[in-house]
C-alpha atoms as a PDB file:
ATOM      1  CA  MET A   1      17.499  34.788  85.690  1.00  0.00           C
ATOM      2  CA  GLN A   2      18.645  31.058  85.872  1.00  0.00           C
ATOM      3  CA  ALA A   3      21.729  31.904  83.769  1.00  0.00           C
ATOM      4  CA  ILE A   4      22.804  34.865  85.944  1.00  0.00           C
ATOM      5  CA  ALA A   5      22.187  32.875  89.194  1.00  0.00           C
ATOM      6  CA  THR A   6      24.405  30.075  87.679  1.00  0.00           C
ATOM      7  CA  ASN A   7      27.096  32.609  86.703  1.00  0.00           C
ATOM      8  CA  ILE A   8      26.954  34.189  90.293  1.00  0.00           C
ATOM      9  CA  ARG A   9      27.365  30.677  91.797  1.00  0.00           C
ATOM     10  CA  LYS A  10      30.403  29.768  89.640  1.00  0.00           C
ATOM     11  CA  ASN A  11      32.128  33.195  90.636  1.00  0.00           C
ATOM     12  CA  ILE A  12      31.333  32.243  94.257  1.00  0.00           C
ATOM     13  CA  LEU A  13      33.244  28.945  93.825  1.00  0.00           C
ATOM     14  CA  HIS A  14      35.851  30.692  91.771  1.00  0.00           C
ATOM     15  CA  ILE A  15      36.829  33.210  94.598  1.00  0.00           C
ATOM     16  CA  ALA A  16      36.197  30.735  97.475  1.00  0.00           C
ATOM     17  CA  ASN A  17      38.911  28.508  95.581  1.00  0.00           C
ATOM     18  CA  LEU A  18      41.219  31.548  95.191  1.00  0.00           C
ATOM     19  CA  ALA A  19      40.899  32.616  98.915  1.00  0.00           C
ATOM     20  CA  GLY A  20      40.408  29.077 100.528  1.00  0.00           C
ATOM     21  CA  SER A  21      37.736  30.641 102.552  1.00  0.00           C
ATOM     22  CA  PRO A  22      34.586  28.656 104.197  1.00  0.00           C
ATOM     23  CA  HIS A  23      30.896  29.623 104.129  1.00  0.00           C
ATOM     24  CA  ILE A  24      30.596  28.327 100.638  1.00  0.00           C
ATOM     25  CA  GLY A  25      27.190  26.640 101.418  1.00  0.00           C
ATOM     26  CA  SER A  26      25.806  29.860 102.999  1.00  0.00           C
ATOM     27  CA  ALA A  27      26.865  31.799  99.936  1.00  0.00           C
ATOM     28  CA  LEU A  28      25.236  29.285  97.496  1.00  0.00           C
ATOM     29  CA  SER A  29      22.114  29.139  99.575  1.00  0.00           C
ATOM     30  CA  CYS A  30      21.176  33.003  98.882  1.00  0.00           C
ATOM     31  CA  ALA A  31      22.405  33.322  95.123  1.00  0.00           C
ATOM     32  CA  ASP A  32      18.787  33.095  93.830  1.00  0.00           C
ATOM     33  CA  ILE A  33      17.579  35.674  96.300  1.00  0.00           C
ATOM     34  CA  LEU A  34      20.398  38.190  95.391  1.00  0.00           C
ATOM     35  CA  THR A  35      19.896  37.616  91.614  1.00  0.00           C
ATOM     36  CA  ALA A  36      16.014  38.550  92.195  1.00  0.00           C
ATOM     37  CA  LEU A  37      16.936  41.652  94.210  1.00  0.00           C
ATOM     38  CA  TYR A  38      19.694  42.903  91.820  1.00  0.00           C
ATOM     39  CA  PHE A  39      18.413  42.089  88.529  1.00  0.00           C
ATOM     40  CA  ASP A  40      14.628  42.441  89.107  1.00  0.00           C
ATOM     41  CA  ILE A  41      13.822  44.380  92.164  1.00  0.00           C
ATOM     42  CA  LEU A  42      16.166  47.003  93.710  1.00  0.00           C
ATOM     43  CA  ASN A  43      16.022  50.491  92.274  1.00  0.00           C
ATOM     44  CA  LEU A  44      19.813  51.265  91.685  1.00  0.00           C
ATOM     45  CA  GLU A  45      19.811  53.518  88.631  1.00  0.00           C
ATOM     46  CA  ASP A  46      19.987  56.872  90.648  1.00  0.00           C
ATOM     47  CA  TYR A  47      22.510  56.406  93.211  1.00  0.00           C
ATOM     48  CA  ASP A  48      21.542  59.143  95.441  1.00  0.00           C
ATOM     49  CA  ASN A  49      17.917  57.877  95.318  1.00  0.00           C
ATOM     50  CA  ARG A  50      18.872  54.177  95.333  1.00  0.00           C
ATOM     51  CA  ASP A  51      17.217  51.316  97.411  1.00  0.00           C
ATOM     52  CA  LEU A  52      19.381  50.124 100.106  1.00  0.00           C
ATOM     53  CA  PHE A  53      20.255  46.552 100.458  1.00  0.00           C
ATOM     54  CA  ILE A  54      21.764  45.187 103.660  1.00  0.00           C
ATOM     55  CA  LEU A  55      23.433  41.921 103.837  1.00  0.00           C
ATOM     56  CA  SER A  56      22.927  40.967 107.628  1.00  0.00           C
ATOM     57  CA  LYS A  57      24.346  37.413 107.099  1.00  0.00           C
ATOM     58  CA  ALA A  58      27.781  38.832 106.024  1.00  0.00           C
ATOM     59  CA  HIS A  59      29.625  35.684 106.332  1.00  0.00           C
ATOM     60  CA  SER A  60      27.912  35.096 102.840  1.00  0.00           C
ATOM     61  CA  ALA A  61      29.738  38.110 101.408  1.00  0.00           C
ATOM     62  CA  MET A  62      30.852  36.016  98.446  1.00  0.00           C
ATOM     63  CA  ALA A  63      27.424  35.929  97.207  1.00  0.00           C
ATOM     64  CA  LEU A  64      27.087  39.752  97.387  1.00  0.00           C
ATOM     65  CA  TYR A  65      30.555  40.096  95.591  1.00  0.00           C
ATOM     66  CA  ALA A  66      29.628  37.661  92.772  1.00  0.00           C
ATOM     67  CA  THR A  67      26.332  39.625  92.362  1.00  0.00           C
ATOM     68  CA  LEU A  68      27.793  43.017  92.466  1.00  0.00           C
ATOM     69  CA  TYR A  69      30.254  41.828  89.571  1.00  0.00           C
ATOM     70  CA  GLU A  70      27.806  40.169  87.701  1.00  0.00           C
ATOM     71  CA  LYS A  71      25.864  43.716  87.833  1.00  0.00           C
ATOM     72  CA  GLY A  72      28.829  45.538  86.653  1.00  0.00           C
ATOM     73  CA  LEU A  73      29.272  47.344  90.094  1.00  0.00           C
ATOM     74  CA  LEU A  74      32.619  45.535  90.884  1.00  0.00           C
ATOM     75  CA  THR A  75      35.538  44.620  88.701  1.00  0.00           C
ATOM     76  CA  LYS A  76      36.880  41.156  88.299  1.00  0.00           C
ATOM     77  CA  GLU A  77      40.182  42.411  89.979  1.00  0.00           C
ATOM     78  CA  GLU A  78      38.074  43.558  92.980  1.00  0.00           C
ATOM     79  CA  MET A  79      36.320  40.514  93.049  1.00  0.00           C
ATOM     80  CA  GLU A  80      39.356  38.261  92.925  1.00  0.00           C
ATOM     81  CA  GLY A  81      40.710  40.267  95.726  1.00  0.00           C
ATOM     82  CA  TYR A  82      38.595  38.761  98.131  1.00  0.00           C
ATOM     83  CA  TYR A  83      40.112  37.452 101.438  1.00  0.00           C
ATOM     84  CA  GLN A  84      43.518  37.811 100.036  1.00  0.00           C
ATOM     85  CA  ASN A  85      46.570  39.405 101.758  1.00  0.00           C
ATOM     86  CA  GLY A  86      46.564  43.036 100.533  1.00  0.00           C
ATOM     87  CA  GLY A  87      43.175  42.466  98.866  1.00  0.00           C
ATOM     88  CA  SER A  88      40.243  44.569  98.069  1.00  0.00           C
ATOM     89  CA  LEU A  89      37.502  42.793  99.863  1.00  0.00           C
ATOM     90  CA  PRO A  90      37.368  41.159 103.330  1.00  0.00           C
ATOM     91  CA  ALA A  91      35.614  37.998 104.392  1.00  0.00           C
ATOM     92  CA  HIS A  92      32.786  40.165 105.948  1.00  0.00           C
ATOM     93  CA  THR A  93      31.565  43.294 104.263  1.00  0.00           C
ATOM     94  CA  ASP A  94      33.142  46.536 104.799  1.00  0.00           C
ATOM     95  CA  ARG A  95      31.013  49.487 103.575  1.00  0.00           C
ATOM     96  CA  PHE A  96      34.370  51.523 102.444  1.00  0.00           C
ATOM     97  CA  THR A  97      35.023  48.818  99.807  1.00  0.00           C
ATOM     98  CA  ASN A  98      32.486  49.614  97.388  1.00  0.00           C
ATOM     99  CA  PRO A  99      29.640  52.237  97.045  1.00  0.00           C
ATOM    100  CA  TYR A 100      27.130  49.577  96.871  1.00  0.00           C
ATOM    101  CA  ILE A 101      28.053  48.035 100.098  1.00  0.00           C
ATOM    102  CA  GLU A 102      25.774  49.754 102.731  1.00  0.00           C
ATOM    103  CA  ILE A 103      27.199  48.553 105.971  1.00  0.00           C
ATOM    104  CA  SER A 104      30.146  46.920 107.715  1.00  0.00           C
ATOM    105  CA  ALA A 105      28.811  43.731 109.129  1.00  0.00           C
ATOM    106  CA  GLY A 106      30.083  40.268 110.564  1.00  0.00           C
ATOM    107  CA  SER A 107      28.594  40.060 114.092  1.00  0.00           C
ATOM    108  CA  LEU A 108      25.168  38.727 113.479  1.00  0.00           C
ATOM    109  CA  GLY A 109      21.895  40.368 114.465  1.00  0.00           C
ATOM    110  CA  HIS A 110      22.689  44.104 113.618  1.00  0.00           C
ATOM    111  CA  GLY A 111      21.370  44.256 110.078  1.00  0.00           C
ATOM    112  CA  LEU A 112      17.651  44.528 110.967  1.00  0.00           C
ATOM    113  CA  PRO A 113      18.353  47.074 113.666  1.00  0.00           C
ATOM    114  CA  MET A 114      20.455  49.324 111.222  1.00  0.00           C
ATOM    115  CA  ALA A 115      17.656  48.833 108.494  1.00  0.00           C
ATOM    116  CA  VAL A 116      14.980  49.993 110.924  1.00  0.00           C
ATOM    117  CA  GLY A 117      17.027  53.148 111.427  1.00  0.00           C
ATOM    118  CA  MET A 118      17.710  53.780 107.931  1.00  0.00           C
ATOM    119  CA  ALA A 119      13.926  53.113 107.075  1.00  0.00           C
ATOM    120  CA  HIS A 120      12.737  55.395 109.835  1.00  0.00           C
ATOM    121  CA  ALA A 121      15.147  58.134 108.649  1.00  0.00           C
ATOM    122  CA  LEU A 122      13.724  58.032 105.065  1.00  0.00           C
ATOM    123  CA  LYS A 123      10.299  58.049 106.334  1.00  0.00           C
ATOM    124  CA  LEU A 124      10.969  61.445 108.070  1.00  0.00           C
ATOM    125  CA  LYS A 125      12.576  62.628 104.922  1.00  0.00           C
ATOM    126  CA  LYS A 126       9.471  61.577 102.950  1.00  0.00           C
ATOM    127  CA  SER A 127      11.612  59.671 100.704  1.00  0.00           C
ATOM    128  CA  ASN A 128      10.291  56.874  98.330  1.00  0.00           C
ATOM    129  CA  ARG A 129      13.581  54.902  98.818  1.00  0.00           C
ATOM    130  CA  LYS A 130      13.267  51.325 100.321  1.00  0.00           C
ATOM    131  CA  VAL A 131      15.350  49.051 102.605  1.00  0.00           C
ATOM    132  CA  PHE A 132      16.126  45.515 101.797  1.00  0.00           C
ATOM    133  CA  VAL A 133      17.647  43.276 104.359  1.00  0.00           C
ATOM    134  CA  LEU A 134      18.746  39.540 103.941  1.00  0.00           C
ATOM    135  CA  MET A 135      19.157  37.599 106.930  1.00  0.00           C
ATOM    136  CA  GLY A 136      20.048  34.089 108.099  1.00  0.00           C
ATOM    137  CA  ASP A 137      17.566  31.871 110.077  1.00  0.00           C
ATOM    138  CA  GLY A 138      20.179  31.134 112.733  1.00  0.00           C
ATOM    139  CA  GLU A 139      20.849  34.840 112.976  1.00  0.00           C
ATOM    140  CA  SER A 140      17.343  35.538 114.009  1.00  0.00           C
ATOM    141  CA  GLN A 141      17.913  33.832 117.275  1.00  0.00           C
ATOM    142  CA  GLU A 142      20.020  36.941 118.313  1.00  0.00           C
ATOM    143  CA  GLY A 143      18.038  39.097 120.767  1.00  0.00           C
ATOM    144  CA  SER A 144      18.584  42.501 118.720  1.00  0.00           C
ATOM    145  CA  VAL A 145      16.639  41.076 115.831  1.00  0.00           C
ATOM    146  CA  TRP A 146      13.557  40.792 118.143  1.00  0.00           C
ATOM    147  CA  GLU A 147      14.006  44.365 119.538  1.00  0.00           C
ATOM    148  CA  ALA A 148      13.934  45.596 116.109  1.00  0.00           C
ATOM    149  CA  ALA A 149      11.113  43.530 115.170  1.00  0.00           C
ATOM    150  CA  MET A 150       9.093  45.007 117.938  1.00  0.00           C
ATOM    151  CA  LEU A 151      10.114  48.763 116.875  1.00  0.00           C
ATOM    152  CA  ALA A 152       9.380  48.615 113.194  1.00  0.00           C
ATOM    153  CA  PRO A 153       5.667  48.129 113.262  1.00  0.00           C
ATOM    154  CA  LYS A 154       5.414  50.796 116.017  1.00  0.00           C
ATOM    155  CA  LEU A 155       7.195  53.257 113.578  1.00  0.00           C
ATOM    156  CA  GLU A 156       4.827  52.060 110.628  1.00  0.00           C
ATOM    157  CA  LEU A 157       8.019  51.116 108.471  1.00  0.00           C
ATOM    158  CA  ASN A 158       6.197  49.724 105.480  1.00  0.00           C
ATOM    159  CA  ASN A 159       9.306  50.750 103.404  1.00  0.00           C
ATOM    160  CA  VAL A 160      11.399  47.835 105.015  1.00  0.00           C
ATOM    161  CA  THR A 161      11.617  44.228 103.698  1.00  0.00           C
ATOM    162  CA  VAL A 162      13.265  41.519 105.450  1.00  0.00           C
ATOM    163  CA  LEU A 163      14.111  38.188 103.673  1.00  0.00           C
ATOM    164  CA  ILE A 164      15.239  35.238 105.777  1.00  0.00           C
ATOM    165  CA  ASP A 165      17.518  32.807 104.062  1.00  0.00           C
ATOM    166  CA  ARG A 166      15.749  29.692 105.688  1.00  0.00           C
ATOM    167  CA  ASN A 167      18.137  26.980 105.033  1.00  0.00           C
ATOM    168  CA  ASN A 168      17.593  25.289 108.424  1.00  0.00           C
ATOM    169  CA  LEU A 169      21.348  24.903 108.735  1.00  0.00           C
ATOM    170  CA  GLN A 170      23.571  27.061 111.105  1.00  0.00           C
ATOM    171  CA  GLY A 171      27.128  26.624 112.284  1.00  0.00           C
ATOM    172  CA  TYR A 172      26.493  23.949 114.791  1.00  0.00           C
ATOM    173  CA  GLY A 173      23.347  22.199 113.310  1.00  0.00           C
ATOM    174  CA  ARG A 174      19.871  22.943 112.447  1.00  0.00           C
ATOM    175  CA  ALA A 175      18.158  25.903 113.503  1.00  0.00           C
ATOM    176  CA  ASP A 176      15.034  24.371 114.516  1.00  0.00           C
ATOM    177  CA  GLU A 177      16.973  21.688 116.726  1.00  0.00           C
ATOM    178  CA  LEU A 178      19.152  24.332 118.305  1.00  0.00           C
ATOM    179  CA  LEU A 179      16.514  26.617 119.822  1.00  0.00           C
ATOM    180  CA  SER A 180      12.744  26.886 119.841  1.00  0.00           C
ATOM    181  CA  TYR A 181      12.584  28.474 116.410  1.00  0.00           C
ATOM    182  CA  GLU A 182       9.428  27.708 114.674  1.00  0.00           C
ATOM    183  CA  PRO A 183       6.843  28.724 113.931  1.00  0.00           C
ATOM    184  CA  ILE A 184       8.871  31.701 112.711  1.00  0.00           C
ATOM    185  CA  ASP A 185       6.247  33.036 110.705  1.00  0.00           C
ATOM    186  CA  LYS A 186       3.613  33.307 113.454  1.00  0.00           C
ATOM    187  CA  LYS A 187       6.260  34.934 115.593  1.00  0.00           C
ATOM    188  CA  PHE A 188       6.640  37.869 113.476  1.00  0.00           C
ATOM    189  CA  GLU A 189       2.906  37.820 112.626  1.00  0.00           C
ATOM    190  CA  ALA A 190       2.248  38.363 116.411  1.00  0.00           C
ATOM    191  CA  PHE A 191       4.963  41.441 116.183  1.00  0.00           C
ATOM    192  CA  ASN A 192       2.463  42.851 113.664  1.00  0.00           C
ATOM    193  CA  TRP A 193       4.526  42.348 110.502  1.00  0.00           C
ATOM    194  CA  GLU A 194       3.161  41.252 107.044  1.00  0.00           C
ATOM    195  CA  VAL A 195       4.682  37.774 106.608  1.00  0.00           C
ATOM    196  CA  LEU A 196       5.014  35.690 103.336  1.00  0.00           C
ATOM    197  CA  ARG A 197       6.629  32.112 102.993  1.00  0.00           C
ATOM    198  CA  ILE A 198       8.100  31.281  99.718  1.00  0.00           C
ATOM    199  CA  ASN A 199      10.295  29.097  97.695  1.00  0.00           C
ATOM    200  CA  GLY A 200      13.673  31.216  98.068  1.00  0.00           C
ATOM    201  CA  HIS A 201      15.036  29.696  94.917  1.00  0.00           C
ATOM    202  CA  ASN A 202      12.164  30.926  92.768  1.00  0.00           C
ATOM    203  CA  ALA A 203      12.680  34.265  91.420  1.00  0.00           C
ATOM    204  CA  ASN A 204       9.121  34.910  90.347  1.00  0.00           C
ATOM    205  CA  ALA A 205       7.942  34.221  93.982  1.00  0.00           C
ATOM    206  CA  ILE A 206      10.646  36.377  95.366  1.00  0.00           C
ATOM    207  CA  LYS A 207       9.480  39.426  93.169  1.00  0.00           C
ATOM    208  CA  ASP A 208       5.845  39.058  93.694  1.00  0.00           C
ATOM    209  CA  ALA A 209       6.317  38.656  97.466  1.00  0.00           C
ATOM    210  CA  THR A 210       8.571  42.025  97.475  1.00  0.00           C
ATOM    211  CA  ASN A 211       5.988  43.881  95.450  1.00  0.00           C
ATOM    212  CA  MET A 212       3.232  42.771  97.513  1.00  0.00           C
ATOM    213  CA  LYS A 213       1.392  46.245  98.670  1.00  0.00           C
ATOM    214  CA  THR A 214       1.233  46.432 102.660  1.00  0.00           C
ATOM    215  CA  ASN A 215       1.115  49.188 105.442  1.00  0.00           C
ATOM    216  CA  LYS A 216       3.238  46.892 107.632  1.00  0.00           C
ATOM    217  CA  PRO A 217       6.988  46.099 107.566  1.00  0.00           C
ATOM    218  CA  LYS A 218       7.309  42.871 105.553  1.00  0.00           C
ATOM    219  CA  MET A 219       8.958  39.552 106.390  1.00  0.00           C
ATOM    220  CA  ILE A 220       9.693  37.017 103.612  1.00  0.00           C
ATOM    221  CA  ILE A 221      10.872  33.728 104.885  1.00  0.00           C
ATOM    222  CA  CYS A 222      12.461  32.159 101.846  1.00  0.00           C
ATOM    223  CA  ASP A 223      12.661  28.292 102.282  1.00  0.00           C
ATOM    224  CA  THR A 224      16.076  27.460 100.753  1.00  0.00           C
ATOM    225  CA  ILE A 225      18.702  24.802 100.526  1.00  0.00           C
ATOM    226  CA  LYS A 226      22.271  25.441 101.926  1.00  0.00           C
ATOM    227  CA  GLY A 227      24.698  24.682  99.019  1.00  0.00           C
ATOM    228  CA  LYS A 228      22.004  24.914  96.518  1.00  0.00           C
ATOM    229  CA  GLY A 229      23.096  23.999  92.875  1.00  0.00           C
ATOM    230  CA  VAL A 230      25.980  21.704  93.718  1.00  0.00           C
ATOM    231  CA  SER A 231      24.475  18.450  94.772  1.00  0.00           C
ATOM    232  CA  PHE A 232      27.153  17.157  96.904  1.00  0.00           C
ATOM    233  CA  MET A 233      26.989  20.371  98.909  1.00  0.00           C
ATOM    234  CA  GLU A 234      23.333  20.618  99.361  1.00  0.00           C
ATOM    235  CA  ASP A 235      21.817  20.557 102.871  1.00  0.00           C
ATOM    236  CA  GLN A 236      25.411  19.338 104.251  1.00  0.00           C
ATOM    237  CA  LEU A 237      26.599  21.321 107.462  1.00  0.00           C
ATOM    238  CA  ILE A 238      30.009  20.436 106.353  1.00  0.00           C
ATOM    239  CA  TRP A 239      29.878  23.177 103.716  1.00  0.00           C
ATOM    240  CA  HIS A 240      29.576  25.867 106.158  1.00  0.00           C
ATOM    241  CA  TYR A 241      33.244  25.303 106.850  1.00  0.00           C
ATOM    242  CA  TYR A 242      35.031  23.109 103.915  1.00  0.00           C
ATOM    243  CA  ILE A 243      36.943  24.958 101.486  1.00  0.00           C
ATOM    244  CA  VAL A 244      36.792  24.550  97.648  1.00  0.00           C
ATOM    245  CA  THR A 245      39.870  22.757  96.488  1.00  0.00           C
ATOM    246  CA  ASP A 246      40.770  22.826  92.682  1.00  0.00           C
ATOM    247  CA  GLU A 247      39.208  19.407  92.177  1.00  0.00           C
ATOM    248  CA  ILE A 248      35.773  20.335  94.046  1.00  0.00           C
ATOM    249  CA  LYS A 249      35.480  23.479  92.156  1.00  0.00           C
ATOM    250  CA  GLN A 250      35.855  22.161  88.865  1.00  0.00           C
ATOM    251  CA  LYS A 251      33.391  19.256  89.607  1.00  0.00           C
ATOM    252  CA  ALA A 252      30.782  21.875  91.055  1.00  0.00           C
ATOM    253  CA  ILE A 253      31.132  24.052  87.861  1.00  0.00           C
ATOM    254  CA  VAL A 254      30.725  21.293  85.580  1.00  0.00           C
ATOM    255  CA  GLU A 255      27.457  20.255  87.642  1.00  0.00           C
ATOM    256  CA  LEU A 256      26.155  23.852  87.562  1.00  0.00           C
ATOM    257  CA  GLU A 257      26.751  24.077  83.712  1.00  0.00           C
ATOM    258  CA  GLU A 258      24.989  20.802  83.107  1.00  0.00           C
ATOM    259  CA  SER A 259      21.997  21.653  85.270  1.00  0.00           C
ATOM    260  CA  LEU A 260      21.597  24.967  83.313  1.00  0.00           C
ATOM    261  CA  HIS A 261      21.516  23.283  80.045  1.00  0.00           C
ATOM    262  CA  GLU A 262      19.032  20.624  81.095  1.00  0.00           C
ATOM    263  CA  LYS A 263      16.673  23.382  81.900  1.00  0.00           C
END
């Protein structure tokens, strides 16, 4: 799993460099979560009965594209068409670009409401399919998130699991400094969610949390590090916006490869 996550991070750096695009820190932050989901948790074998994954923090689309490529659900040519003129993949997700991209997103706060609708529909159909959502911590300041958070327990949606990429950095600073954010776990518990808090870079912890049985909708707060895996990017706000030059890409990939060999 560590090798897979490293490959995903390397490809995130690769397409960020090709495109000259921002949000590298946000994409690296959630690479371990996506690795665990796509290679150990999501049921994707039968397309018509697949689990649904929603990337609500769609500015991290590079992480999803790199994961789909690693999983064999996206070609290299399609991945490298990210954020290019006339290319194949936009900066934020578009559901018409790939069968495994479930929603078009970009404006934050909409993934959870859409997931609640999907999960409710699956319940009405008596389907065993599950819905997973990855949100950002800054994103959860949106009011639409809390409207959906109130509705999901009312509808008894134990088929929806939300993971928050809790790296405590958003566009203009730290989430817990910009708004009265914490205790995020207690807030969701008060809304009658099953809440767990884990290390978001530990694949086993992610799997155990998602597999835990409950009759409630589930919120997994994943404590993560923005820019994870590249030391000079870790927990640095500037990598929400800075671009990956050729020199930066090479330096970062060398570090990722050395780190994997050390483990």
